[in-house]
Protein backbone atom coordinates (compact mmCIF):
# COMPACT_ATOMS: atom_id res chain seq x y z
CA MET A 1 -19.37 -7.46 7.94
CA PRO A 2 -22.04 -8.48 5.44
CA GLU A 3 -20.55 -5.96 3.01
CA VAL A 4 -17.15 -7.73 3.22
CA GLN A 5 -18.82 -11.08 2.71
CA GLU A 6 -20.61 -9.75 -0.39
CA LEU A 7 -17.39 -8.25 -1.72
CA VAL A 8 -15.43 -11.47 -1.23
CA LYS A 9 -18.22 -13.50 -2.85
CA SER A 10 -18.42 -11.16 -5.85
CA LEU A 11 -14.64 -11.24 -6.31
CA ALA A 12 -14.64 -15.04 -6.06
CA ASP A 13 -17.47 -15.16 -8.63
CA LYS A 14 -15.42 -12.90 -10.90
CA TYR A 15 -12.02 -14.58 -10.56
CA GLY A 16 -12.87 -18.09 -9.46
CA ARG A 17 -12.43 -20.04 -6.27
CA LYS A 18 -9.10 -21.72 -6.94
CA ARG A 19 -5.87 -21.02 -5.06
CA GLU A 20 -4.35 -19.34 -8.10
CA ASN A 21 -7.03 -16.64 -7.91
CA LEU A 22 -6.21 -15.70 -4.32
CA LEU A 23 -3.99 -12.77 -5.20
CA HIS A 24 -6.54 -11.21 -7.53
CA ILE A 25 -9.21 -11.46 -4.84
CA LEU A 26 -6.94 -9.92 -2.17
CA GLN A 27 -6.04 -7.08 -4.55
CA GLY A 28 -9.73 -6.50 -5.21
CA ILE A 29 -10.43 -6.23 -1.51
CA VAL A 30 -7.61 -3.74 -1.00
CA GLU A 31 -8.90 -1.71 -3.95
CA GLN A 32 -12.36 -1.49 -2.36
CA GLU A 33 -11.63 -1.54 1.37
CA ARG A 34 -8.12 0.00 1.37
CA TYR A 35 -6.73 -2.88 3.49
CA LEU A 36 -7.25 -6.53 4.37
CA SER A 37 -9.05 -6.84 7.66
CA ASP A 38 -9.01 -10.06 9.69
CA VAL A 39 -12.68 -10.48 8.79
CA ALA A 40 -11.89 -10.17 5.08
CA LEU A 41 -9.00 -12.64 5.29
CA THR A 42 -11.17 -15.14 7.17
CA GLU A 43 -13.96 -14.71 4.64
CA VAL A 44 -11.53 -15.32 1.74
CA ALA A 45 -10.28 -18.49 3.39
CA ARG A 46 -13.85 -19.71 3.82
CA GLU A 47 -14.93 -18.78 0.31
CA LEU A 48 -11.88 -20.39 -1.34
CA ASP A 49 -11.73 -23.37 1.05
CA LEU A 50 -8.18 -22.49 2.08
CA SER A 51 -6.62 -22.36 5.50
CA ALA A 52 -6.45 -18.99 7.22
CA ALA A 53 -2.65 -19.45 7.36
CA GLN A 54 -2.45 -19.78 3.54
CA VAL A 55 -4.48 -16.61 3.04
CA TYR A 56 -2.66 -14.64 5.74
CA GLY A 57 0.73 -15.83 4.48
CA THR A 58 -0.04 -14.58 0.99
CA ALA A 59 -1.45 -11.28 2.29
CA THR A 60 1.60 -10.51 4.44
CA PHE A 61 4.14 -11.57 1.83
CA TYR A 62 3.25 -8.77 -0.63
CA THR A 63 4.13 -5.18 0.30
CA PHE A 64 1.11 -3.69 -1.47
CA LEU A 65 -1.43 -5.87 0.31
CA ASP A 66 -1.92 -3.86 3.47
CA THR A 67 -3.18 -5.81 6.48
CA GLU A 68 -3.80 -2.75 8.61
CA PRO A 69 -5.65 0.49 7.94
CA ARG A 70 -3.70 3.13 6.04
CA GLY A 71 -4.27 6.75 5.20
CA LYS A 72 -6.21 7.96 2.18
CA PHE A 73 -2.85 8.56 0.46
CA VAL A 74 -0.17 5.91 0.99
CA ILE A 75 3.28 7.22 0.27
CA ARG A 76 5.77 4.47 -0.53
CA VAL A 77 9.39 5.58 -0.89
CA CYS A 78 11.77 3.24 -2.71
CA ARG A 79 14.38 1.82 -0.36
CA THR A 80 16.82 0.28 -2.85
CA ILE A 81 20.53 1.03 -2.73
CA THR A 82 20.22 3.07 -5.92
CA CYS A 83 17.55 5.36 -4.50
CA ASP A 84 19.50 5.49 -1.23
CA MET A 85 22.61 6.71 -3.10
CA LYS A 86 20.46 9.36 -4.83
CA GLY A 87 19.16 10.87 -1.60
CA LYS A 88 16.23 8.74 -0.48
CA ASN A 89 16.93 9.52 3.21
CA ARG A 90 16.61 13.28 2.59
CA ILE A 91 13.27 12.68 0.88
CA ILE A 92 11.98 10.63 3.76
CA GLN A 93 13.14 13.25 6.25
CA ALA A 94 11.36 15.99 4.26
CA ILE A 95 8.12 13.99 4.21
CA GLU A 96 8.38 13.15 7.94
CA ASP A 97 8.97 16.82 8.78
CA ALA A 98 6.12 18.02 6.53
CA LEU A 99 3.58 15.48 7.79
CA LYS A 100 4.87 15.24 11.39
CA ILE A 101 4.99 11.44 11.24
CA ARG A 102 7.74 8.80 11.05
CA LEU A 103 8.10 5.87 8.67
CA GLY A 104 5.30 3.36 9.22
CA GLU A 105 2.95 5.95 10.71
CA THR A 106 -0.31 7.57 9.57
CA THR A 107 -1.22 11.19 10.13
CA GLN A 108 -3.81 11.90 12.83
CA ASN A 109 -6.38 12.89 10.19
CA ASN A 110 -5.83 9.55 8.37
CA LYS A 111 -4.86 11.36 5.20
CA PHE A 112 -1.29 10.11 4.76
CA THR A 113 0.68 6.95 5.58
CA LEU A 114 4.44 6.88 5.03
CA LEU A 115 6.16 3.58 4.16
CA GLU A 116 9.28 2.30 2.48
CA THR A 117 9.00 -0.33 -0.21
CA ASN A 118 11.21 -2.51 -2.32
CA CYS A 119 12.11 -1.57 -5.89
CA MET A 120 9.28 -0.07 -7.90
CA GLY A 121 11.24 -0.12 -11.15
CA TRP A 122 12.08 3.61 -11.15
CA CYS A 123 15.58 3.50 -9.63
CA HIS A 124 17.12 4.84 -12.84
CA GLU A 125 15.21 8.06 -12.07
CA GLY A 126 15.51 7.94 -8.30
CA PRO A 127 14.85 8.79 -5.69
CA ALA A 128 11.35 7.57 -6.41
CA MET A 129 8.06 7.20 -4.56
CA LEU A 130 4.48 6.19 -5.15
CA ILE A 131 1.46 7.93 -3.73
CA ASN A 132 -1.23 5.28 -4.10
CA ASP A 133 -0.70 4.29 -7.75
CA GLN A 134 1.02 7.47 -8.99
CA ALA A 135 4.81 7.36 -9.42
CA TYR A 136 7.07 10.34 -8.78
CA THR A 137 10.73 10.33 -9.72
CA LYS A 138 13.86 12.49 -9.57
CA LEU A 139 12.66 13.78 -6.23
CA THR A 140 14.17 16.65 -4.31
CA GLU A 141 13.12 17.88 -0.88
CA GLU A 142 11.40 20.88 -2.54
CA LYS A 143 9.62 18.77 -5.14
CA VAL A 144 8.33 16.28 -2.56
CA ILE A 145 6.93 19.11 -0.38
CA GLU A 146 5.07 20.52 -3.42
CA ILE A 147 3.62 17.09 -4.16
CA ILE A 148 2.55 16.56 -0.53
CA ASN A 149 0.95 20.01 -0.44
CA ASP A 150 -1.03 19.19 -3.60
CA TYR A 151 -2.35 15.97 -2.04
CA ALA A 152 -3.18 17.75 1.21
CA LYS A 153 -5.71 19.86 -0.70
CA LYS A 154 -7.54 16.78 -1.96
């Protein structure tokens, strides 16, 4: 817990303690801790003199601010109508079969989490997905299995 307090304090020192800096601080926590724990959210509220509801509301509004632990590699498949029309469901099914998990789940070894997300800006080359911050486009079932296998070795 002291580590989270130190992290929040250092991020507040870096970005400032005003409401408009909340998102930067939350992103910094996710970058370091991989998700926003209740302890971290409470500490941010205290450090920025905001209500816990304000901090939690912001944290849960944004898809990329995870409020629960995720795997080392978070796979986010675009769920827009465009990617859907280009075979997004086949891609999800291939990932689920390969990793033996369903959407919203994490593998037992905590290596992969599979999620859907709103548009990532790659629909013109869909279906598309992100693994952490790396975008992959024009996916096929075969291509996605190769990508997953490469990450499994890491």
